[in-house]
Amino acid sequence: MTSSEQAIDEFRRQPRSRTVWRLITEQIVTGPRTMLLTIDPETARNWLSCRASPAEPDPTRARRYAEIIRHGAWQPRKDEPIALRVDDERVMVEDGQHRLAAVVIHGATVELLVRMRMVP
């Protein structure tokens, strides 16, 4: 079994949302990608529980982003995707915790750019 096949097998054994599983599979098969995804509050909450930084998102900033979403003015930032890192044990948010917190606060699905990279 190759290391990619082992990684896929390991991730299959862990509970994950369909979005994360699709990202992991594409990452292993085709390399790092940036994609526009529809992120629901449950997925945002799950990803926030796996932050690379121990610091909590700033509530004021997250509420400001949630207001932008609520007024329909949210635009995915092409220069700043949600950055996820996948290793052998978990998916971790490296950047984008305030945007994810805003999705949770607003309580609706939002389109966000997501970049995922595998680390050995």
PDB file of N, CA and C in Angstrom:
ATOM      1  N   MET A   1       0.847  -1.176   0.000  1.00  0.00           N
ATOM      2  CA  MET A   1       0.000   0.000   0.000  1.00  0.00           C
ATOM      3  C   MET A   1       0.892   1.239   0.000  1.00  0.00           C
ATOM      4  N   THR A   2       0.627   2.183  -0.925  1.00  0.00           N
ATOM      5  CA  THR A   2       1.428   3.406  -1.001  1.00  0.00           C
ATOM      6  C   THR A   2       1.075   4.335   0.151  1.00  0.00           C
ATOM      7  N   SER A   3       1.891   5.355   0.370  1.00  0.00           N
ATOM      8  CA  SER A   3       1.611   6.295   1.455  1.00  0.00           C
ATOM      9  C   SER A   3       0.313   7.054   1.192  1.00  0.00           C
ATOM     10  N   SER A   4       0.017   7.370  -0.076  1.00  0.00           N
ATOM     11  CA  SER A   4      -1.252   8.038  -0.393  1.00  0.00           C
ATOM     12  C   SER A   4      -2.430   7.136  -0.068  1.00  0.00           C
ATOM     13  N   GLU A   5      -2.334   5.866  -0.424  1.00  0.00           N
ATOM     14  CA  GLU A   5      -3.404   4.918  -0.117  1.00  0.00           C
ATOM     15  C   GLU A   5      -3.560   4.755   1.388  1.00  0.00           C
ATOM     16  N   GLN A   6      -2.448   4.748   2.120  1.00  0.00           N
ATOM     17  CA  GLN A   6      -2.510   4.654   3.584  1.00  0.00           C
ATOM     18  C   GLN A   6      -3.196   5.886   4.169  1.00  0.00           C
ATOM     19  N   ALA A   7      -2.869   7.062   3.636  1.00  0.00           N
ATOM     20  CA  ALA A   7      -3.490   8.297   4.123  1.00  0.00           C
ATOM     21  C   ALA A   7      -4.994   8.277   3.858  1.00  0.00           C
ATOM     22  N   ILE A   8      -5.392   7.857   2.671  1.00  0.00           N
ATOM     23  CA  ILE A   8      -6.815   7.773   2.340  1.00  0.00           C
ATOM     24  C   ILE A   8      -7.509   6.787   3.271  1.00  0.00           C
ATOM     25  N   ASP A   9      -6.897   5.623   3.495  1.00  0.00           N
ATOM     26  CA  ASP A   9      -7.475   4.619   4.378  1.00  0.00           C
ATOM     27  C   ASP A   9      -7.631   5.160   5.797  1.00  0.00           C
ATOM     28  N   GLU A  10      -6.624   5.870   6.291  1.00  0.00           N
ATOM     29  CA  GLU A  10      -6.677   6.440   7.639  1.00  0.00           C
ATOM     30  C   GLU A  10      -7.802   7.463   7.756  1.00  0.00           C
ATOM     31  N   PHE A  11      -7.934   8.354   6.769  1.00  0.00           N
ATOM     32  CA  PHE A  11      -8.979   9.366   6.820  1.00  0.00           C
ATOM     33  C   PHE A  11     -10.361   8.763   6.705  1.00  0.00           C
ATOM     34  N   ARG A  12     -10.488   7.659   5.993  1.00  0.00           N
ATOM     35  CA  ARG A  12     -11.793   7.002   5.880  1.00  0.00           C
ATOM     36  C   ARG A  12     -12.276   6.495   7.232  1.00  0.00           C
ATOM     37  N   ARG A  13     -11.358   6.139   8.099  1.00  0.00           N
ATOM     38  CA  ARG A  13     -11.737   5.612   9.412  1.00  0.00           C
ATOM     39  C   ARG A  13     -12.175   6.701  10.379  1.00  0.00           C
ATOM     40  N   GLN A  14     -11.846   7.960  10.072  1.00  0.00           N
ATOM     41  CA  GLN A  14     -12.187   9.063  10.968  1.00  0.00           C
ATOM     42  C   GLN A  14     -13.461   9.742  10.478  1.00  0.00           C
ATOM     43  N   PRO A  15     -14.380  10.103  11.409  1.00  0.00           N
ATOM     44  CA  PRO A  15     -15.608  10.786  10.975  1.00  0.00           C
ATOM     45  C   PRO A  15     -15.277  12.185  10.463  1.00  0.00           C
ATOM     46  N   ARG A  16     -15.785  12.514   9.283  1.00  0.00           N
ATOM     47  CA  ARG A  16     -15.555  13.824   8.683  1.00  0.00           C
ATOM     48  C   ARG A  16     -16.780  14.209   7.859  1.00  0.00           C
ATOM     49  N   SER A  17     -16.962  15.494   7.680  1.00  0.00           N
ATOM     50  CA  SER A  17     -18.048  15.945   6.812  1.00  0.00           C
ATOM     51  C   SER A  17     -17.716  15.574   5.369  1.00  0.00           C
ATOM     52  N   ARG A  18     -18.725  15.514   4.509  1.00  0.00           N
ATOM     53  CA  ARG A  18     -18.496  15.187   3.106  1.00  0.00           C
ATOM     54  C   ARG A  18     -17.587  16.204   2.428  1.00  0.00           C
ATOM     55  N   THR A  19     -17.716  17.479   2.797  1.00  0.00           N
ATOM     56  CA  THR A  19     -16.881  18.518   2.204  1.00  0.00           C
ATOM     57  C   THR A  19     -15.416  18.260   2.509  1.00  0.00           C
ATOM     58  N   VAL A  20     -15.103  17.975   3.775  1.00  0.00           N
ATOM     59  CA  VAL A  20     -13.712  17.728   4.157  1.00  0.00           C
ATOM     60  C   VAL A  20     -13.208  16.466   3.480  1.00  0.00           C
ATOM     61  N   TRP A  21     -14.026  15.416   3.433  1.00  0.00           N
ATOM     62  CA  TRP A  21     -13.581  14.177   2.796  1.00  0.00           C
ATOM     63  C   TRP A  21     -13.253  14.422   1.328  1.00  0.00           C
ATOM     64  N   ARG A  22     -14.116  15.190   0.616  1.00  0.00           N
ATOM     65  CA  ARG A  22     -13.857  15.489  -0.791  1.00  0.00           C
ATOM     66  C   ARG A  22     -12.557  16.271  -0.946  1.00  0.00           C
ATOM     67  N   LEU A  23     -12.338  17.241  -0.063  1.00  0.00           N
ATOM     68  CA  LEU A  23     -11.098  18.030  -0.131  1.00  0.00           C
ATOM     69  C   LEU A  23      -9.875  17.158   0.121  1.00  0.00           C
ATOM     70  N   ILE A  24      -9.963  16.291   1.098  1.00  0.00           N
ATOM     71  CA  ILE A  24      -8.835  15.415   1.424  1.00  0.00           C
ATOM     72  C   ILE A  24      -8.530  14.498   0.252  1.00  0.00           C
ATOM     73  N   THR A  25      -9.560  13.888  -0.309  1.00  0.00           N
ATOM     74  CA  THR A  25      -9.365  12.980  -1.436  1.00  0.00           C
ATOM     75  C   THR A  25      -8.742  13.715  -2.616  1.00  0.00           C
ATOM     76  N   GLU A  26      -9.265  14.886  -2.968  1.00  0.00           N
ATOM     77  CA  GLU A  26      -8.710  15.643  -4.086  1.00  0.00           C
ATOM     78  C   GLU A  26      -7.279  16.081  -3.800  1.00  0.00           C
ATOM     79  N   GLN A  27      -7.004  16.452  -2.559  1.00  0.00           N
ATOM     80  CA  GLN A  27      -5.653  16.873  -2.183  1.00  0.00           C
ATOM     81  C   GLN A  27      -4.659  15.737  -2.408  1.00  0.00           C
ATOM     82  N   ILE A  28      -5.007  14.554  -1.968  1.00  0.00           N
ATOM     83  CA  ILE A  28      -4.099  13.415  -2.096  1.00  0.00           C
ATOM     84  C   ILE A  28      -3.910  13.037  -3.558  1.00  0.00           C
ATOM     85  N   VAL A  29      -4.985  13.095  -4.318  1.00  0.00           N
ATOM     86  CA  VAL A  29      -4.930  12.654  -5.702  1.00  0.00           C
ATOM     87  C   VAL A  29      -4.303  13.698  -6.622  1.00  0.00           C
ATOM     88  N   THR A  30      -4.652  14.964  -6.444  1.00  0.00           N
ATOM     89  CA  THR A  30      -4.239  15.972  -7.417  1.00  0.00           C
ATOM     90  C   THR A  30      -3.317  17.050  -6.872  1.00  0.00           C
ATOM     91  N   GLY A  31      -3.041  17.093  -5.595  1.00  0.00           N
ATOM     92  CA  GLY A  31      -2.176  18.125  -5.036  1.00  0.00           C
ATOM     93  C   GLY A  31      -2.980  19.267  -4.426  1.00  0.00           C
ATOM     94  N   PRO A  32      -2.281  20.278  -3.860  1.00  0.00           N
ATOM     95  CA  PRO A  32      -2.974  21.390  -3.190  1.00  0.00           C
ATOM     96  C   PRO A  32      -3.921  22.108  -4.149  1.00  0.00           C
ATOM     97  N   ARG A  33      -5.054  22.523  -3.615  1.00  0.00           N
ATOM     98  CA  ARG A  33      -6.054  23.192  -4.435  1.00  0.00           C
ATOM     99  C   ARG A  33      -6.693  24.325  -3.657  1.00  0.00           C
ATOM    100  N   THR A  34      -7.146  25.308  -4.401  1.00  0.00           N
ATOM    101  CA  THR A  34      -7.994  26.355  -3.846  1.00  0.00           C
ATOM    102  C   THR A  34      -9.319  26.260  -4.580  1.00  0.00           C
ATOM    103  N   MET A  35     -10.401  26.133  -3.798  1.00  0.00           N
ATOM    104  CA  MET A  35     -11.721  25.932  -4.383  1.00  0.00           C
ATOM    105  C   MET A  35     -12.742  26.826  -3.697  1.00  0.00           C
ATOM    106  N   LEU A  36     -13.759  27.225  -4.429  1.00  0.00           N
ATOM    107  CA  LEU A  36     -14.881  27.951  -3.861  1.00  0.00           C
ATOM    108  C   LEU A  36     -15.869  26.907  -3.353  1.00  0.00           C
ATOM    109  N   LEU A  37     -16.110  26.919  -2.046  1.00  0.00           N
ATOM    110  CA  LEU A  37     -17.003  25.927  -1.440  1.00  0.00           C
ATOM    111  C   LEU A  37     -18.122  26.618  -0.689  1.00  0.00           C
ATOM    112  N   THR A  38     -19.249  25.967  -0.596  1.00  0.00           N
ATOM    113  CA  THR A  38     -20.349  26.439   0.232  1.00  0.00           C
ATOM    114  C   THR A  38     -20.169  25.814   1.607  1.00  0.00           C
ATOM    115  N   ILE A  39     -19.927  26.676   2.594  1.00  0.00           N
ATOM    116  CA  ILE A  39     -19.642  26.217   3.958  1.00  0.00           C
ATOM    117  C   ILE A  39     -20.859  26.486   4.827  1.00  0.00           C
ATOM    118  N   ASP A  40     -21.386  25.430   5.447  1.00  0.00           N
ATOM    119  CA  ASP A  40     -22.522  25.594   6.352  1.00  0.00           C
ATOM    120  C   ASP A  40     -22.011  25.814   7.776  1.00  0.00           C
ATOM    121  N   PRO A  41     -22.885  26.289   8.675  1.00  0.00           N
ATOM    122  CA  PRO A  41     -22.441  26.570  10.050  1.00  0.00           C
ATOM    123  C   PRO A  41     -21.852  25.349  10.767  1.00  0.00           C
ATOM    124  N   GLU A  42     -22.385  24.165  10.500  1.00  0.00           N
ATOM    125  CA  GLU A  42     -21.859  22.962  11.161  1.00  0.00           C
ATOM    126  C   GLU A  42     -20.417  22.678  10.728  1.00  0.00           C
ATOM    127  N   THR A  43     -20.151  22.786   9.432  1.00  0.00           N
ATOM    128  CA  THR A  43     -18.785  22.579   8.939  1.00  0.00           C
ATOM    129  C   THR A  43     -17.862  23.645   9.507  1.00  0.00           C
ATOM    130  N   ALA A  44     -18.308  24.902   9.519  1.00  0.00           N
ATOM    131  CA  ALA A  44     -17.491  25.994  10.076  1.00  0.00           C
ATOM    132  C   ALA A  44     -17.175  25.723  11.548  1.00  0.00           C
ATOM    133  N   ARG A  45     -18.167  25.272  12.301  1.00  0.00           N
ATOM    134  CA  ARG A  45     -17.968  24.972  13.729  1.00  0.00           C
ATOM    135  C   ARG A  45     -16.958  23.835  13.902  1.00  0.00           C
ATOM    136  N   ASN A  46     -17.078  22.791  13.070  1.00  0.00           N
ATOM    137  CA  ASN A  46     -16.135  21.668  13.158  1.00  0.00           C
ATOM    138  C   ASN A  46     -14.718  22.120  12.842  1.00  0.00           C
ATOM    139  N   TRP A  47     -14.569  22.925  11.786  1.00  0.00           N
ATOM    140  CA  TRP A  47     -13.235  23.391  11.428  1.00  0.00           C
ATOM    141  C   TRP A  47     -12.662  24.301  12.503  1.00  0.00           C
ATOM    142  N   LEU A  48     -13.505  25.133  13.122  1.00  0.00           N
ATOM    143  CA  LEU A  48     -13.016  26.020  14.185  1.00  0.00           C
ATOM    144  C   LEU A  48     -12.510  25.242  15.398  1.00  0.00           C
ATOM    145  N   SER A  49     -13.050  24.061  15.606  1.00  0.00           N
ATOM    146  CA  SER A  49     -12.584  23.262  16.745  1.00  0.00           C
ATOM    147  C   SER A  49     -11.185  22.701  16.501  1.00  0.00           C
ATOM    148  N   CYS A  50     -10.672  22.882  15.290  1.00  0.00           N
ATOM    149  CA  CYS A  50      -9.352  22.365  14.916  1.00  0.00           C
ATOM    150  C   CYS A  50      -8.457  23.508  14.427  1.00  0.00           C
ATOM    151  N   ARG A  51      -8.336  24.552  15.224  1.00  0.00           N
ATOM    152  CA  ARG A  51      -7.502  25.692  14.834  1.00  0.00           C
ATOM    153  C   ARG A  51      -6.039  25.411  15.126  1.00  0.00           C
ATOM    154  N   ALA A  52      -5.157  25.890  14.248  1.00  0.00           N
ATOM    155  CA  ALA A  52      -3.719  25.775  14.479  1.00  0.00           C
ATOM    156  C   ALA A  52      -3.294  26.726  15.591  1.00  0.00           C
ATOM    157  N   SER A  53      -3.973  27.857  15.708  1.00  0.00           N
ATOM    158  CA  SER A  53      -3.666  28.857  16.733  1.00  0.00           C
ATOM    159  C   SER A  53      -4.521  28.598  17.964  1.00  0.00           C
ATOM    160  N   PRO A  54      -3.926  28.670  19.147  1.00  0.00           N
ATOM    161  CA  PRO A  54      -4.727  28.476  20.365  1.00  0.00           C
ATOM    162  C   PRO A  54      -5.603  29.686  20.688  1.00  0.00           C
ATOM    163  N   ALA A  55      -5.348  30.820  20.041  1.00  0.00           N
ATOM    164  CA  ALA A  55      -6.119  32.031  20.322  1.00  0.00           C
ATOM    165  C   ALA A  55      -7.536  31.902  19.779  1.00  0.00           C
ATOM    166  N   GLU A  56      -8.485  32.384  20.555  1.00  0.00           N
ATOM    167  CA  GLU A  56      -9.881  32.397  20.118  1.00  0.00           C
ATOM    168  C   GLU A  56     -10.072  33.506  19.088  1.00  0.00           C
ATOM    169  N   PRO A  57     -11.004  33.314  18.144  1.00  0.00           N
ATOM    170  CA  PRO A  57     -11.297  34.399  17.205  1.00  0.00           C
ATOM    171  C   PRO A  57     -11.800  35.631  17.953  1.00  0.00           C
ATOM    172  N   ASP A  58     -11.428  36.817  17.481  1.00  0.00           N
ATOM    173  CA  ASP A  58     -11.890  38.073  18.072  1.00  0.00           C
ATOM    174  C   ASP A  58     -13.390  38.204  17.806  1.00  0.00           C
ATOM    175  N   PRO A  59     -14.224  38.230  18.869  1.00  0.00           N
ATOM    176  CA  PRO A  59     -15.675  38.259  18.656  1.00  0.00           C
ATOM    177  C   PRO A  59     -16.154  39.505  17.907  1.00  0.00           C
ATOM    178  N   THR A  60     -15.511  40.644  18.125  1.00  0.00           N
ATOM    179  CA  THR A  60     -15.916  41.877  17.449  1.00  0.00           C
ATOM    180  C   THR A  60     -15.704  41.749  15.943  1.00  0.00           C
ATOM    181  N   ARG A  61     -14.567  41.240  15.565  1.00  0.00           N
ATOM    182  CA  ARG A  61     -14.261  41.055  14.140  1.00  0.00           C
ATOM    183  C   ARG A  61     -15.208  40.031  13.512  1.00  0.00           C
ATOM    184  N   ALA A  62     -15.455  38.925  14.209  1.00  0.00           N
ATOM    185  CA  ALA A  62     -16.355  37.889  13.692  1.00  0.00           C
ATOM    186  C   ALA A  62     -17.773  38.438  13.527  1.00  0.00           C
ATOM    187  N   ARG A  63     -18.242  39.245  14.499  1.00  0.00           N
ATOM    188  CA  ARG A  63     -19.587  39.840  14.388  1.00  0.00           C
ATOM    189  C   ARG A  63     -19.656  40.831  13.229  1.00  0.00           C
ATOM    190  N   ARG A  64     -18.568  41.587  13.000  1.00  0.00           N
ATOM    191  CA  ARG A  64     -18.527  42.527  11.872  1.00  0.00           C
ATOM    192  C   ARG A  64     -18.668  41.754  10.552  1.00  0.00           C
ATOM    193  N   TYR A  65     -17.930  40.650  10.429  1.00  0.00           N
ATOM    194  CA  TYR A  65     -18.037  39.818   9.227  1.00  0.00           C
ATOM    195  C   TYR A  65     -19.445  39.237   9.100  1.00  0.00           C
ATOM    196  N   ALA A  66     -20.037  38.818  10.214  1.00  0.00           N
ATOM    197  CA  ALA A  66     -21.394  38.257  10.192  1.00  0.00           C
ATOM    198  C   ALA A  66     -22.405  39.300   9.711  1.00  0.00           C
ATOM    199  N   GLU A  67     -22.219  40.552  10.091  1.00  0.00           N
ATOM    200  CA  GLU A  67     -23.102  41.625   9.623  1.00  0.00           C
ATOM    201  C   GLU A  67     -22.974  41.819   8.111  1.00  0.00           C
ATOM    202  N   ILE A  68     -21.762  41.741   7.617  1.00  0.00           N
ATOM    203  CA  ILE A  68     -21.543  41.856   6.170  1.00  0.00           C
ATOM    204  C   ILE A  68     -22.280  40.726   5.451  1.00  0.00           C
ATOM    205  N   ILE A  69     -22.193  39.521   6.001  1.00  0.00           N
ATOM    206  CA  ILE A  69     -22.902  38.372   5.425  1.00  0.00           C
ATOM    207  C   ILE A  69     -24.411  38.618   5.478  1.00  0.00           C
ATOM    208  N   ARG A  70     -24.894  39.073   6.619  1.00  0.00           N
ATOM    209  CA  ARG A  70     -26.330  39.286   6.825  1.00  0.00           C
ATOM    210  C   ARG A  70     -26.899  40.295   5.811  1.00  0.00           C
ATOM    211  N   HIS A  71     -26.118  41.303   5.456  1.00  0.00           N
ATOM    212  CA  HIS A  71     -26.577  42.336   4.518  1.00  0.00           C
ATOM    213  C   HIS A  71     -26.349  41.948   3.057  1.00  0.00           C
ATOM    214  N   GLY A  72     -25.854  40.736   2.832  1.00  0.00           N
ATOM    215  CA  GLY A  72     -25.671  40.251   1.470  1.00  0.00           C
ATOM    216  C   GLY A  72     -24.486  40.849   0.739  1.00  0.00           C
ATOM    217  N   ALA A  73     -23.561  41.431   1.479  1.00  0.00           N
ATOM    218  CA  ALA A  73     -22.414  42.094   0.852  1.00  0.00           C
ATOM    219  C   ALA A  73     -21.140  41.244   0.905  1.00  0.00           C
ATOM    220  N   TRP A  74     -21.263  39.989   1.340  1.00  0.00           N
ATOM    221  CA  TRP A  74     -20.070  39.147   1.472  1.00  0.00           C
ATOM    222  C   TRP A  74     -19.546  38.745   0.105  1.00  0.00           C
ATOM    223  N   GLN A  75     -18.259  38.924  -0.103  1.00  0.00           N
ATOM    224  CA  GLN A  75     -17.588  38.497  -1.325  1.00  0.00           C
ATOM    225  C   GLN A  75     -16.400  37.626  -0.926  1.00  0.00           C
ATOM    226  N   PRO A  76     -16.303  36.402  -1.453  1.00  0.00           N
ATOM    227  CA  PRO A  76     -15.128  35.581  -1.137  1.00  0.00           C
ATOM    228  C   PRO A  76     -13.856  36.311  -1.577  1.00  0.00           C
ATOM    229  N   ARG A  77     -12.855  36.321  -0.729  1.00  0.00           N
ATOM    230  CA  ARG A  77     -11.600  37.008  -1.039  1.00  0.00           C
ATOM    231  C   ARG A  77     -10.676  36.070  -1.785  1.00  0.00           C
ATOM    232  N   LYS A  78     -10.385  36.422  -3.027  1.00  0.00           N
ATOM    233  CA  LYS A  78      -9.536  35.570  -3.853  1.00  0.00           C
ATOM    234  C   LYS A  78      -8.095  35.556  -3.364  1.00  0.00           C
ATOM    235  N   ASP A  79      -7.683  36.631  -2.706  1.00  0.00           N
ATOM    236  CA  ASP A  79      -6.306  36.710  -2.240  1.00  0.00           C
ATOM    237  C   ASP A  79      -6.111  36.094  -0.859  1.00  0.00           C
ATOM    238  N   GLU A  80      -7.199  35.697  -0.198  1.00  0.00           N
ATOM    239  CA  GLU A  80      -7.090  35.181   1.159  1.00  0.00           C
ATOM    240  C   GLU A  80      -8.064  34.034   1.407  1.00  0.00           C
ATOM    241  N   PRO A  81      -7.758  32.836   0.917  1.00  0.00           N
ATOM    242  CA  PRO A  81      -8.678  31.710   1.163  1.00  0.00           C
ATOM    243  C   PRO A  81      -8.561  31.209   2.607  1.00  0.00           C
ATOM    244  N   ILE A  82      -9.577  30.478   3.031  1.00  0.00           N
ATOM    245  CA  ILE A  82      -9.477  29.748   4.295  1.00  0.00           C
ATOM    246  C   ILE A  82      -8.361  28.734   4.075  1.00  0.00           C
ATOM    247  N   ALA A  83      -7.364  28.732   4.936  1.00  0.00           N
ATOM    248  CA  ALA A  83      -6.223  27.828   4.767  1.00  0.00           C
ATOM    249  C   ALA A  83      -6.360  26.657   5.735  1.00  0.00           C
ATOM    250  N   LEU A  84      -6.442  25.456   5.177  1.00  0.00           N
ATOM    251  CA  LEU A  84      -6.526  24.234   5.976  1.00  0.00           C
ATOM    252  C   LEU A  84      -5.267  23.414   5.769  1.00  0.00           C
ATOM    253  N   ARG A  85      -4.780  22.834   6.846  1.00  0.00           N
ATOM    254  CA  ARG A  85      -3.628  21.938   6.782  1.00  0.00           C
ATOM    255  C   ARG A  85      -4.103  20.558   7.225  1.00  0.00           C
ATOM    256  N   VAL A  86      -3.750  19.559   6.447  1.00  0.00           N
ATOM    257  CA  VAL A  86      -4.142  18.184   6.758  1.00  0.00           C
ATOM    258  C   VAL A  86      -2.876  17.389   7.033  1.00  0.00           C
ATOM    259  N   ASP A  87      -2.828  16.779   8.207  1.00  0.00           N
ATOM    260  CA  ASP A  87      -1.714  15.883   8.481  1.00  0.00           C
ATOM    261  C   ASP A  87      -2.285  14.497   8.743  1.00  0.00           C
ATOM    262  N   ASP A  88      -1.487  13.618   9.282  1.00  0.00           N
ATOM    263  CA  ASP A  88      -1.936  12.238   9.490  1.00  0.00           C
ATOM    264  C   ASP A  88      -3.047  12.118  10.519  1.00  0.00           C
ATOM    265  N   GLU A  89      -3.221  13.149  11.350  1.00  0.00           N
ATOM    266  CA  GLU A  89      -4.171  13.028  12.440  1.00  0.00           C
ATOM    267  C   GLU A  89      -5.413  13.897  12.311  1.00  0.00           C
ATOM    268  N   ARG A  90      -5.309  15.039  11.627  1.00  0.00           N
ATOM    269  CA  ARG A  90      -6.453  15.955  11.649  1.00  0.00           C
ATOM    270  C   ARG A  90      -6.377  17.007  10.541  1.00  0.00           C
ATOM    271  N   VAL A  91      -7.473  17.743  10.426  1.00  0.00           N
ATOM    272  CA  VAL A  91      -7.549  18.924   9.580  1.00  0.00           C
ATOM    273  C   VAL A  91      -7.443  20.120  10.518  1.00  0.00           C
ATOM    274  N   MET A  92      -6.552  21.066  10.209  1.00  0.00           N
ATOM    275  CA  MET A  92      -6.386  22.240  11.068  1.00  0.00           C
ATOM    276  C   MET A  92      -6.554  23.519  10.258  1.00  0.00           C
ATOM    277  N   VAL A  93      -7.225  24.501  10.865  1.00  0.00           N
ATOM    278  CA  VAL A  93      -7.394  25.812  10.240  1.00  0.00           C
ATOM    279  C   VAL A  93      -6.150  26.635  10.547  1.00  0.00           C
ATOM    280  N   GLU A  94      -5.436  27.021   9.498  1.00  0.00           N
ATOM    281  CA  GLU A  94      -4.263  27.884   9.669  1.00  0.00           C
ATOM    282  C   GLU A  94      -4.621  29.352   9.519  1.00  0.00           C
ATOM    283  N   ASP A  95      -5.626  29.649   8.699  1.00  0.00           N
ATOM    284  CA  ASP A  95      -6.048  31.031   8.479  1.00  0.00           C
ATOM    285  C   ASP A  95      -7.524  31.029   8.125  1.00  0.00           C
ATOM    286  N   GLY A  96      -8.252  32.008   8.638  1.00  0.00           N
ATOM    287  CA  GLY A  96      -9.664  32.138   8.298  1.00  0.00           C
ATOM    288  C   GLY A  96     -10.622  31.910   9.450  1.00  0.00           C
ATOM    289  N   GLN A  97     -10.111  31.877  10.678  1.00  0.00           N
ATOM    290  CA  GLN A  97     -10.993  31.568  11.801  1.00  0.00           C
ATOM    291  C   GLN A  97     -12.080  32.630  12.008  1.00  0.00           C
ATOM    292  N   HIS A  98     -11.816  33.893  11.690  1.00  0.00           N
ATOM    293  CA  HIS A  98     -12.840  34.924  11.861  1.00  0.00           C
ATOM    294  C   HIS A  98     -13.958  34.763  10.830  1.00  0.00           C
ATOM    295  N   ARG A  99     -13.593  34.406   9.608  1.00  0.00           N
ATOM    296  CA  ARG A  99     -14.607  34.175   8.580  1.00  0.00           C
ATOM    297  C   ARG A  99     -15.465  32.966   8.938  1.00  0.00           C
ATOM    298  N   LEU A 100     -14.827  31.909   9.450  1.00  0.00           N
ATOM    299  CA  LEU A 100     -15.590  30.732   9.861  1.00  0.00           C
ATOM    300  C   LEU A 100     -16.492  31.050  11.050  1.00  0.00           C
ATOM    301  N   ALA A 101     -15.989  31.831  12.006  1.00  0.00           N
ATOM    302  CA  ALA A 101     -16.804  32.228  13.163  1.00  0.00           C
ATOM    303  C   ALA A 101     -18.005  33.057  12.710  1.00  0.00           C
ATOM    304  N   ALA A 102     -17.815  33.895  11.685  1.00  0.00           N
ATOM    305  CA  ALA A 102     -18.927  34.694  11.154  1.00  0.00           C
ATOM    306  C   ALA A 102     -20.011  33.799  10.558  1.00  0.00           C
ATOM    307  N   VAL A 103     -19.617  32.723   9.903  1.00  0.00           N
ATOM    308  CA  VAL A 103     -20.593  31.774   9.337  1.00  0.00           C
ATOM    309  C   VAL A 103     -21.398  31.152  10.477  1.00  0.00           C
ATOM    310  N   VAL A 104     -20.736  30.791  11.559  1.00  0.00           N
ATOM    311  CA  VAL A 104     -21.427  30.211  12.720  1.00  0.00           C
ATOM    312  C   VAL A 104     -22.384  31.232  13.324  1.00  0.00           C
ATOM    313  N   ILE A 105     -21.926  32.472  13.518  1.00  0.00           N
ATOM    314  CA  ILE A 105     -22.763  33.520  14.109  1.00  0.00           C
ATOM    315  C   ILE A 105     -23.982  33.796  13.233  1.00  0.00           C
ATOM    316  N   HIS A 106     -23.763  33.906  11.932  1.00  0.00           N
ATOM    317  CA  HIS A 106     -24.860  34.216  11.007  1.00  0.00           C
ATOM    318  C   HIS A 106     -25.835  33.055  10.876  1.00  0.00           C
ATOM    319  N   GLY A 107     -25.330  31.840  10.962  1.00  0.00           N
ATOM    320  CA  GLY A 107     -26.192  30.668  10.930  1.00  0.00           C
ATOM    321  C   GLY A 107     -26.695  30.270   9.559  1.00  0.00           C
ATOM    322  N   ALA A 108     -26.011  30.706   8.513  1.00  0.00           N
ATOM    323  CA  ALA A 108     -26.411  30.349   7.147  1.00  0.00           C
ATOM    324  C   ALA A 108     -25.181  29.922   6.358  1.00  0.00           C
ATOM    325  N   THR A 109     -25.400  29.245   5.250  1.00  0.00           N
ATOM    326  CA  THR A 109     -24.275  28.817   4.425  1.00  0.00           C
ATOM    327  C   THR A 109     -23.718  29.999   3.646  1.00  0.00           C
ATOM    328  N   VAL A 110     -22.409  29.972   3.429  1.00  0.00           N
ATOM    329  CA  VAL A 110     -21.699  31.062   2.763  1.00  0.00           C
ATOM    330  C   VAL A 110     -20.662  30.448   1.832  1.00  0.00           C
ATOM    331  N   GLU A 111     -20.439  31.074   0.690  1.00  0.00           N
ATOM    332  CA  GLU A 111     -19.380  30.622  -0.200  1.00  0.00           C
ATOM    333  C   GLU A 111     -18.058  31.230   0.253  1.00  0.00           C
ATOM    334  N   LEU A 112     -17.063  30.367   0.446  1.00  0.00           N
ATOM    335  CA  LEU A 112     -15.726  30.790   0.838  1.00  0.00           C
ATOM    336  C   LEU A 112     -14.695  30.065  -0.017  1.00  0.00           C
ATOM    337  N   LEU A 113     -13.610  30.740  -0.299  1.00  0.00           N
ATOM    338  CA  LEU A 113     -12.481  30.068  -0.933  1.00  0.00           C
ATOM    339  C   LEU A 113     -11.738  29.273   0.123  1.00  0.00           C
ATOM    340  N   VAL A 114     -11.388  28.047  -0.191  1.00  0.00           N
ATOM    341  CA  VAL A 114     -10.679  27.172   0.752  1.00  0.00           C
ATOM    342  C   VAL A 114      -9.461  26.591   0.054  1.00  0.00           C
ATOM    343  N   ARG A 115      -8.320  26.686   0.712  1.00  0.00           N
ATOM    344  CA  ARG A 115      -7.091  26.075   0.199  1.00  0.00           C
ATOM    345  C   ARG A 115      -6.669  24.998   1.204  1.00  0.00           C
ATOM    346  N   MET A 116      -6.432  23.798   0.710  1.00  0.00           N
ATOM    347  CA  MET A 116      -6.027  22.700   1.578  1.00  0.00           C
ATOM    348  C   MET A 116      -4.676  22.176   1.127  1.00  0.00           C
ATOM    349  N   ARG A 117      -3.822  21.925   2.107  1.00  0.00           N
ATOM    350  CA  ARG A 117      -2.527  21.331   1.771  1.00  0.00           C
ATOM    351  C   ARG A 117      -2.243  20.191   2.733  1.00  0.00           C
ATOM    352  N   MET A 118      -1.629  19.151   2.183  1.00  0.00           N
ATOM    353  CA  MET A 118      -1.231  17.997   2.985  1.00  0.00           C
ATOM    354  C   MET A 118       0.173  18.240   3.514  1.00  0.00           C
ATOM    355  N   VAL A 119       0.402  17.829   4.739  1.00  0.00           N
ATOM    356  CA  VAL A 119       1.742  17.847   5.295  1.00  0.00           C
ATOM    357  C   VAL A 119       2.093  16.429   5.713  1.00  0.00           C
ATOM    358  N   PRO A 120       3.294  16.008   5.403  1.00  0.00           N
ATOM    359  CA  PRO A 120       3.675  14.614   5.724  1.00  0.00           C
ATOM    360  C   PRO A 120       3.752  14.370   7.216  1.00  0.00           C
TER     361      PRO A 120
END
